[in-house]
C-alpha atoms as a PDB file:
ATOM      1  CA  MET A   1     -12.189  12.124   5.554  1.00  0.00           C
ATOM      2  CA  MET A   2     -11.870   8.367   5.464  1.00  0.00           C
ATOM      3  CA  PRO A   3      -8.707   7.168   7.299  1.00  0.00           C
ATOM      4  CA  ARG A   4      -6.882   4.673   5.141  1.00  0.00           C
ATOM      5  CA  GLU A   5      -3.468   3.541   4.064  1.00  0.00           C
ATOM      6  CA  PRO A   6      -2.254   5.689   1.151  1.00  0.00           C
ATOM      7  CA  HIS A   7      -1.886   4.078  -2.244  1.00  0.00           C
ATOM      8  CA  THR A   8      -4.009   1.014  -1.569  1.00  0.00           C
ATOM      9  CA  THR A   9      -6.706  -0.705  -3.583  1.00  0.00           C
ATOM     10  CA  THR A  10      -9.872  -1.490  -1.632  1.00  0.00           C
ATOM     11  CA  VAL A  11     -11.417  -4.702  -2.934  1.00  0.00           C
ATOM     12  CA  ILE A  12     -15.118  -4.972  -2.098  1.00  0.00           C
ATOM     13  CA  VAL A  13     -16.334  -8.582  -1.856  1.00  0.00           C
ATOM     14  CA  PRO A  14     -20.161  -8.774  -1.809  1.00  0.00           C
ATOM     15  CA  GLY A  15     -22.147 -11.722  -0.582  1.00  0.00           C
ATOM     16  CA  LEU A  16     -24.805 -13.631  -2.525  1.00  0.00           C
ATOM     17  CA  ARG A  17     -26.693 -10.566  -3.694  1.00  0.00           C
ATOM     18  CA  GLY A  18     -27.182  -8.605  -6.825  1.00  0.00           C
ATOM     19  CA  PRO A  19     -26.126  -4.968  -7.213  1.00  0.00           C
ATOM     20  CA  VAL A  20     -27.811  -2.956  -4.445  1.00  0.00           C
ATOM     21  CA  GLU A  21     -27.396   0.809  -4.606  1.00  0.00           C
ATOM     22  CA  ASP A  22     -28.476   1.290  -0.996  1.00  0.00           C
ATOM     23  CA  HIS A  23     -25.902  -1.064   0.532  1.00  0.00           C
ATOM     24  CA  TRP A  24     -23.029   0.128   2.702  1.00  0.00           C
ATOM     25  CA  GLN A  25     -20.503  -1.668   0.464  1.00  0.00           C
ATOM     26  CA  THR A  26     -21.828   0.184  -2.579  1.00  0.00           C
ATOM     27  CA  ARG A  27     -21.689   3.491  -0.734  1.00  0.00           C
ATOM     28  CA  LEU A  28     -18.197   2.777   0.583  1.00  0.00           C
ATOM     29  CA  ALA A  29     -16.925   1.962  -2.917  1.00  0.00           C
ATOM     30  CA  ALA A  30     -18.315   5.274  -4.152  1.00  0.00           C
ATOM     31  CA  LYS A  31     -16.382   7.147  -1.441  1.00  0.00           C
ATOM     32  CA  LEU A  32     -13.003   5.611  -2.141  1.00  0.00           C
ATOM     33  CA  PRO A  33     -10.970   6.801  -5.124  1.00  0.00           C
ATOM     34  CA  ASN A  34      -9.233   3.451  -5.656  1.00  0.00           C
ATOM     35  CA  SER A  35     -11.767   0.709  -5.062  1.00  0.00           C
ATOM     36  CA  VAL A  36     -12.945  -2.294  -7.066  1.00  0.00           C
ATOM     37  CA  VAL A  37     -16.133  -4.296  -6.509  1.00  0.00           C
ATOM     38  CA  VAL A  38     -15.652  -7.979  -7.348  1.00  0.00           C
ATOM     39  CA  PRO A  39     -17.989  -8.525 -10.341  1.00  0.00           C
ATOM     40  CA  SER A  40     -19.702 -11.765  -9.318  1.00  0.00           C
ATOM     41  CA  PHE A  41     -23.289 -10.519  -9.199  1.00  0.00           C
ATOM     42  CA  THR A  42     -24.493 -12.540 -12.175  1.00  0.00           C
ATOM     43  CA  ARG A  43     -22.977 -15.836 -11.078  1.00  0.00           C
ATOM     44  CA  ASP A  44     -25.076 -18.723  -9.814  1.00  0.00           C
ATOM     45  CA  LYS A  45     -25.283 -18.420  -6.033  1.00  0.00           C
ATOM     46  CA  ARG A  46     -23.779 -21.908  -5.672  1.00  0.00           C
ATOM     47  CA  ASP A  47     -20.713 -21.025  -7.745  1.00  0.00           C
ATOM     48  CA  LEU A  48     -17.998 -20.687  -5.126  1.00  0.00           C
ATOM     49  CA  ALA A  49     -15.179 -21.571  -7.521  1.00  0.00           C
ATOM     50  CA  GLY A  50     -16.201 -18.812  -9.934  1.00  0.00           C
ATOM     51  CA  ARG A  51     -16.481 -16.244  -7.148  1.00  0.00           C
ATOM     52  CA  VAL A  52     -13.064 -17.187  -5.772  1.00  0.00           C
ATOM     53  CA  ALA A  53     -11.650 -16.871  -9.303  1.00  0.00           C
ATOM     54  CA  ASP A  54     -13.238 -13.426  -9.690  1.00  0.00           C
ATOM     55  CA  LEU A  55     -11.686 -12.281  -6.405  1.00  0.00           C
ATOM     56  CA  HIS A  56      -8.305 -13.681  -7.408  1.00  0.00           C
ATOM     57  CA  GLN A  57      -8.439 -11.830 -10.727  1.00  0.00           C
ATOM     58  CA  VAL A  58      -9.218  -8.514  -9.047  1.00  0.00           C
ATOM     59  CA  ILE A  59      -6.398  -8.934  -6.524  1.00  0.00           C
ATOM     60  CA  SER A  60      -3.988 -10.056  -9.261  1.00  0.00           C
ATOM     61  CA  ASP A  61      -4.825  -6.996 -11.348  1.00  0.00           C
ATOM     62  CA  ALA A  62      -4.317  -4.523  -8.504  1.00  0.00           C
ATOM     63  CA  ASN A  63      -1.157  -2.439  -8.851  1.00  0.00           C
ATOM     64  CA  THR A  64      -1.134  -1.297  -5.206  1.00  0.00           C
ATOM     65  CA  PRO A  65      -1.445  -3.160  -1.886  1.00  0.00           C
ATOM     66  CA  VAL A  66      -4.938  -4.590  -1.371  1.00  0.00           C
ATOM     67  CA  THR A  67      -7.343  -4.123   1.513  1.00  0.00           C
ATOM     68  CA  ILE A  68     -10.349  -6.435   1.370  1.00  0.00           C
ATOM     69  CA  VAL A  69     -13.804  -5.391   2.587  1.00  0.00           C
ATOM     70  CA  ALA A  70     -16.065  -8.454   2.607  1.00  0.00           C
ATOM     71  CA  HIS A  71     -19.633  -8.860   3.797  1.00  0.00           C
ATOM     72  CA  SER A  72     -21.753 -11.936   4.500  1.00  0.00           C
ATOM     73  CA  ALA A  73     -20.894 -14.788   2.111  1.00  0.00           C
ATOM     74  CA  GLY A  74     -18.165 -12.510   0.744  1.00  0.00           C
ATOM     75  CA  VAL A  75     -16.283 -13.299   3.957  1.00  0.00           C
ATOM     76  CA  LEU A  76     -16.481 -17.009   3.165  1.00  0.00           C
ATOM     77  CA  ILE A  77     -15.334 -16.335  -0.400  1.00  0.00           C
ATOM     78  CA  THR A  78     -12.369 -14.453   1.047  1.00  0.00           C
ATOM     79  CA  VAL A  79     -11.299 -17.239   3.402  1.00  0.00           C
ATOM     80  CA  HIS A  80     -11.739 -19.863   0.672  1.00  0.00           C
ATOM     81  CA  TRP A  81      -9.544 -17.666  -1.565  1.00  0.00           C
ATOM     82  CA  ALA A  82      -6.956 -17.333   1.196  1.00  0.00           C
ATOM     83  CA  VAL A  83      -6.420 -21.090   1.526  1.00  0.00           C
ATOM     84  CA  ARG A  84      -5.923 -21.411  -2.245  1.00  0.00           C
ATOM     85  CA  HIS A  85      -3.744 -18.375  -3.001  1.00  0.00           C
ATOM     86  CA  ASP A  86      -0.951 -16.411  -1.363  1.00  0.00           C
ATOM     87  CA  LEU A  87      -0.982 -13.015  -3.042  1.00  0.00           C
ATOM     88  CA  PRO A  88      -0.128 -10.247  -0.557  1.00  0.00           C
ATOM     89  CA  VAL A  89      -3.028  -8.565   1.215  1.00  0.00           C
ATOM     90  CA  HIS A  90      -2.606  -5.503   3.437  1.00  0.00           C
ATOM     91  CA  GLY A  91      -5.598  -6.419   5.597  1.00  0.00           C
ATOM     92  CA  ALA A  92      -9.241  -7.451   5.547  1.00  0.00           C
ATOM     93  CA  LEU A  93     -12.450  -6.235   7.145  1.00  0.00           C
ATOM     94  CA  LEU A  94     -14.775  -9.245   7.399  1.00  0.00           C
ATOM     95  CA  ALA A  95     -18.315  -8.175   8.289  1.00  0.00           C
ATOM     96  CA  THR A  96     -21.074 -10.446   9.605  1.00  0.00           C
ATOM     97  CA  PRO A  97     -20.083 -13.800   8.096  1.00  0.00           C
ATOM     98  CA  PRO A  98     -22.782 -16.473   8.036  1.00  0.00           C
ATOM     99  CA  ASP A  99     -21.936 -19.619   9.963  1.00  0.00           C
ATOM    100  CA  LEU A 100     -23.815 -21.953   7.550  1.00  0.00           C
ATOM    101  CA  ALA A 101     -25.186 -23.818  10.557  1.00  0.00           C
ATOM    102  CA  ARG A 102     -28.761 -23.128   9.471  1.00  0.00           C
ATOM    103  CA  PRO A 103     -30.558 -22.538   6.149  1.00  0.00           C
ATOM    104  CA  LEU A 104     -29.964 -19.116   4.606  1.00  0.00           C
ATOM    105  CA  GLY A 105     -33.500 -18.702   3.311  1.00  0.00           C
ATOM    106  CA  PRO A 106     -35.621 -19.806   0.354  1.00  0.00           C
ATOM    107  CA  GLN A 107     -33.903 -17.417  -2.085  1.00  0.00           C
ATOM    108  CA  TYR A 108     -30.515 -19.023  -1.416  1.00  0.00           C
ATOM    109  CA  PRO A 109     -29.037 -22.487  -2.034  1.00  0.00           C
ATOM    110  CA  SER A 110     -29.688 -25.157   0.565  1.00  0.00           C
ATOM    111  CA  LEU A 111     -26.933 -26.192   2.939  1.00  0.00           C
ATOM    112  CA  ALA A 112     -26.608 -29.449   1.007  1.00  0.00           C
ATOM    113  CA  GLU A 113     -26.142 -27.516  -2.245  1.00  0.00           C
ATOM    114  CA  LEU A 114     -23.565 -25.264  -0.603  1.00  0.00           C
ATOM    115  CA  GLN A 115     -21.674 -28.275   0.689  1.00  0.00           C
ATOM    116  CA  ASP A 116     -21.743 -29.912  -2.753  1.00  0.00           C
ATOM    117  CA  SER A 117     -20.367 -26.659  -4.212  1.00  0.00           C
ATOM    118  CA  GLY A 118     -17.478 -26.514  -1.741  1.00  0.00           C
ATOM    119  CA  TRP A 119     -18.712 -23.811   0.630  1.00  0.00           C
ATOM    120  CA  LEU A 120     -18.658 -26.286   3.509  1.00  0.00           C
ATOM    121  CA  PRO A 121     -16.689 -26.920   5.533  1.00  0.00           C
ATOM    122  CA  ILE A 122     -15.769 -23.276   6.155  1.00  0.00           C
ATOM    123  CA  PRO A 123     -11.952 -22.966   6.147  1.00  0.00           C
ATOM    124  CA  LEU A 124     -10.587 -22.407   9.646  1.00  0.00           C
ATOM    125  CA  ALA A 125      -6.893 -21.955   8.810  1.00  0.00           C
ATOM    126  CA  PRO A 126      -5.196 -18.806  10.141  1.00  0.00           C
ATOM    127  CA  LEU A 127      -5.200 -15.999   7.593  1.00  0.00           C
ATOM    128  CA  SER A 128      -1.818 -14.770   6.402  1.00  0.00           C
ATOM    129  CA  PHE A 129      -2.853 -11.104   6.692  1.00  0.00           C
ATOM    130  CA  PRO A 130      -4.290  -8.899   9.454  1.00  0.00           C
ATOM    131  CA  SER A 131      -8.060  -9.021   9.699  1.00  0.00           C
ATOM    132  CA  ILE A 132     -10.989  -7.756  11.723  1.00  0.00           C
ATOM    133  CA  VAL A 133     -14.248  -9.681  12.048  1.00  0.00           C
ATOM    134  CA  ALA A 134     -17.186  -7.360  12.724  1.00  0.00           C
ATOM    135  CA  ALA A 135     -19.791  -9.525  14.458  1.00  0.00           C
ATOM    136  CA  SER A 136     -23.450  -8.751  15.068  1.00  0.00           C
ATOM    137  CA  THR A 137     -25.068  -9.919  18.294  1.00  0.00           C
ATOM    138  CA  ASN A 138     -28.420 -10.684  16.648  1.00  0.00           C
ATOM    139  CA  ASP A 139     -27.515 -11.876  13.158  1.00  0.00           C
ATOM    140  CA  GLU A 140     -30.002 -14.508  12.047  1.00  0.00           C
ATOM    141  CA  LEU A 141     -27.381 -15.952   9.695  1.00  0.00           C
ATOM    142  CA  GLY A 142     -24.410 -16.029  12.060  1.00  0.00           C
ATOM    143  CA  ASP A 143     -24.567 -16.983  15.734  1.00  0.00           C
ATOM    144  CA  PHE A 144     -22.267 -14.654  17.653  1.00  0.00           C
ATOM    145  CA  GLU A 145     -20.402 -17.442  19.453  1.00  0.00           C
ATOM    146  CA  ARG A 146     -19.881 -19.401  16.241  1.00  0.00           C
ATOM    147  CA  VAL A 147     -18.606 -16.267  14.532  1.00  0.00           C
ATOM    148  CA  ARG A 148     -16.319 -15.666  17.503  1.00  0.00           C
ATOM    149  CA  ALA A 149     -14.902 -19.182  17.071  1.00  0.00           C
ATOM    150  CA  MET A 150     -14.326 -18.587  13.342  1.00  0.00           C
ATOM    151  CA  ALA A 151     -12.564 -15.291  14.063  1.00  0.00           C
ATOM    152  CA  HIS A 152     -10.323 -17.024  16.593  1.00  0.00           C
ATOM    153  CA  ALA A 153      -9.431 -19.746  14.085  1.00  0.00           C
ATOM    154  CA  TRP A 154      -8.616 -17.153  11.410  1.00  0.00           C
ATOM    155  CA  GLY A 155      -6.434 -15.175  13.818  1.00  0.00           C
ATOM    156  CA  SER A 156      -8.734 -12.170  13.425  1.00  0.00           C
ATOM    157  CA  HIS A 157      -9.584  -9.401  15.851  1.00  0.00           C
ATOM    158  CA  LEU A 158     -13.240  -9.842  16.808  1.00  0.00           C
ATOM    159  CA  ILE A 159     -15.220  -6.647  17.279  1.00  0.00           C
ATOM    160  CA  ASP A 160     -18.761  -6.722  18.651  1.00  0.00           C
ATOM    161  CA  ILE A 161     -20.714  -4.161  16.626  1.00  0.00           C
ATOM    162  CA  GLY A 162     -23.943  -4.707  18.522  1.00  0.00           C
ATOM    163  CA  PRO A 163     -27.447  -5.753  17.429  1.00  0.00           C
ATOM    164  CA  VAL A 164     -27.246  -4.798  13.736  1.00  0.00           C
ATOM    165  CA  GLY A 165     -28.931  -7.872  12.252  1.00  0.00           C
ATOM    166  CA  HIS A 166     -27.118  -9.016   9.122  1.00  0.00           C
ATOM    167  CA  LEU A 167     -25.813  -5.493   8.499  1.00  0.00           C
ATOM    168  CA  ASN A 168     -27.662  -5.059   5.225  1.00  0.00           C
ATOM    169  CA  PRO A 169     -30.384  -2.715   3.945  1.00  0.00           C
ATOM    170  CA  LEU A 170     -33.101  -5.022   5.320  1.00  0.00           C
ATOM    171  CA  SER A 171     -31.533  -4.477   8.746  1.00  0.00           C
ATOM    172  CA  GLY A 172     -31.380  -0.709   8.154  1.00  0.00           C
ATOM    173  CA  TYR A 173     -27.796  -0.433   6.855  1.00  0.00           C
ATOM    174  CA  GLY A 174     -27.697   1.466   4.294  1.00  0.00           C
ATOM    175  CA  GLU A 175     -24.939   3.675   5.449  1.00  0.00           C
ATOM    176  CA  TRP A 176     -22.522   2.006   7.881  1.00  0.00           C
ATOM    177  CA  LEU A 177     -19.888   4.376   9.199  1.00  0.00           C
ATOM    178  CA  GLY A 178     -18.320   1.500  11.119  1.00  0.00           C
ATOM    179  CA  ALA A 179     -16.629   0.347   7.929  1.00  0.00           C
ATOM    180  CA  GLU A 180     -14.600   3.550   7.878  1.00  0.00           C
ATOM    181  CA  ALA A 181     -13.748   3.313  11.582  1.00  0.00           C
ATOM    182  CA  LEU A 182     -12.611  -0.308  11.314  1.00  0.00           C
ATOM    183  CA  LEU A 183     -10.609   0.349   8.159  1.00  0.00           C
ATOM    184  CA  GLY A 184      -8.860   3.032  10.182  1.00  0.00           C
ATOM    185  CA  ILE A 185      -7.795   0.328  12.645  1.00  0.00           C
ATOM    186  CA  LEU A 186      -6.558  -1.921   9.838  1.00  0.00           C
ATOM    187  CA  ASN A 187      -4.616   0.948   8.322  1.00  0.00           C
ATOM    188  CA  GLY A 188      -3.040   1.955  11.617  1.00  0.00           C
ATOM    189  CA  SER A 189      -4.634   5.394  11.917  1.00  0.00           C
ATOM    190  CA  VAL A 190      -6.814   4.279  14.858  1.00  0.00           C
ATOM    191  CA  PRO A 191      -5.464   2.377  17.921  1.00  0.00           C
ATOM    192  CA  ALA A 192      -5.573  -1.396  17.595  1.00  0.00           C
ATOM    193  CA  PRO A 193      -8.105  -3.552  19.463  1.00  0.00           C
ATOM    194  CA  HIS A 194      -7.340  -4.621  23.012  1.00  0.00           C
ATOM    195  CA  HIS A 195      -8.441  -7.473  25.266  1.00  0.00           C
ATOM    196  CA  THR A 196     -11.388  -7.258  27.653  1.00  0.00           C
ATOM    197  CA  ASP A 197     -13.404  -9.898  29.466  1.00  0.00           C
ATOM    198  CA  HIS A 198     -15.653  -9.951  26.417  1.00  0.00           C
ATOM    199  CA  GLY A 199     -12.928 -10.546  23.852  1.00  0.00           C
ATOM    200  CA  LEU A 200     -11.164  -8.174  21.508  1.00  0.00           C
ATOM    201  CA  VAL A 201     -12.606  -4.706  21.144  1.00  0.00           C
ATOM    202  CA  SER A 202     -11.229  -1.400  19.973  1.00  0.00           C
ATOM    203  CA  PRO A 203     -11.487   2.142  21.292  1.00  0.00           C
ATOM    204  CA  ALA A 204     -13.711   2.871  18.294  1.00  0.00           C
ATOM    205  CA  SER A 205     -16.068   0.029  19.165  1.00  0.00           C
ATOM    206  CA  GLU A 206     -16.642   1.473  22.621  1.00  0.00           C
ATOM    207  CA  HIS A 207     -18.505   4.335  20.938  1.00  0.00           C
ATOM    208  CA  ALA A 208     -21.446   2.814  19.130  1.00  0.00           C
ATOM    209  CA  ALA A 209     -21.971   5.958  17.078  1.00  0.00           C
ATOM    210  CA  ASN A 210     -18.658   5.308  15.357  1.00  0.00           C
ATOM    211  CA  LEU A 211     -19.562   1.759  14.349  1.00  0.00           C
ATOM    212  CA  THR A 212     -23.259   1.961  13.567  1.00  0.00           C
ATOM    213  CA  ALA A 213     -25.465   4.421  11.748  1.00  0.00           C
ATOM    214  CA  PRO A 214     -29.161   5.225  11.975  1.00  0.00           C
ATOM    215  CA  PRO A 215     -31.341   2.922   9.869  1.00  0.00           C
ATOM    216  CA  ALA A 216     -31.513   3.889   6.222  1.00  0.00           C
ATOM    217  CA  SER A 217     -34.556   6.008   5.513  1.00  0.00           C
ATOM    218  CA  ASN A 218     -35.811   3.653   2.805  1.00  0.00           C
ATOM    219  CA  GLY A 219     -35.131   0.462   4.764  1.00  0.00           C
END
């Protein structure tokens, strides 16, 4: 069973994608009895203000403490929200944020468009709630050292989850059991991360099977 804080609302913050059934965030939301996916899928990909407003509405409507689970650009939406609002948040799992230091790809806005829409610069203020940044060592959208620097600025625990690409179905995830393990850390049911020569890791992260899953069968 998923370890989590009782009586919490899990707020799922997707990145710049449409609804994807075979995405670990979609699967996680289906497992949790009290979860809400921020409904920004139909918004223009440049529309940061609208996505931040959608997240704020979901958090405002929650009648229990909120735990955020953000992926990709959803992490950036979360940190932009955090510098604008101060509603209480129990904790946040921030998975594979892009660093916006290189183009995202032809299907996404250009860096100039993202800057004009307020995505850049990425906020680097400390977050007012506990957070874990799950960083991939081979993410084409987020250099590990840049992500490490962002995590440090946010006051987040950085956890190296290995070479998982951008942690999406194209990278073979699909199911990602690491979300459940890291939420257990946020909720206090798993020991907290500790320092090593390589940064902050957790007992769970020392066992790759707990943080990664085999590639999804349908890619």
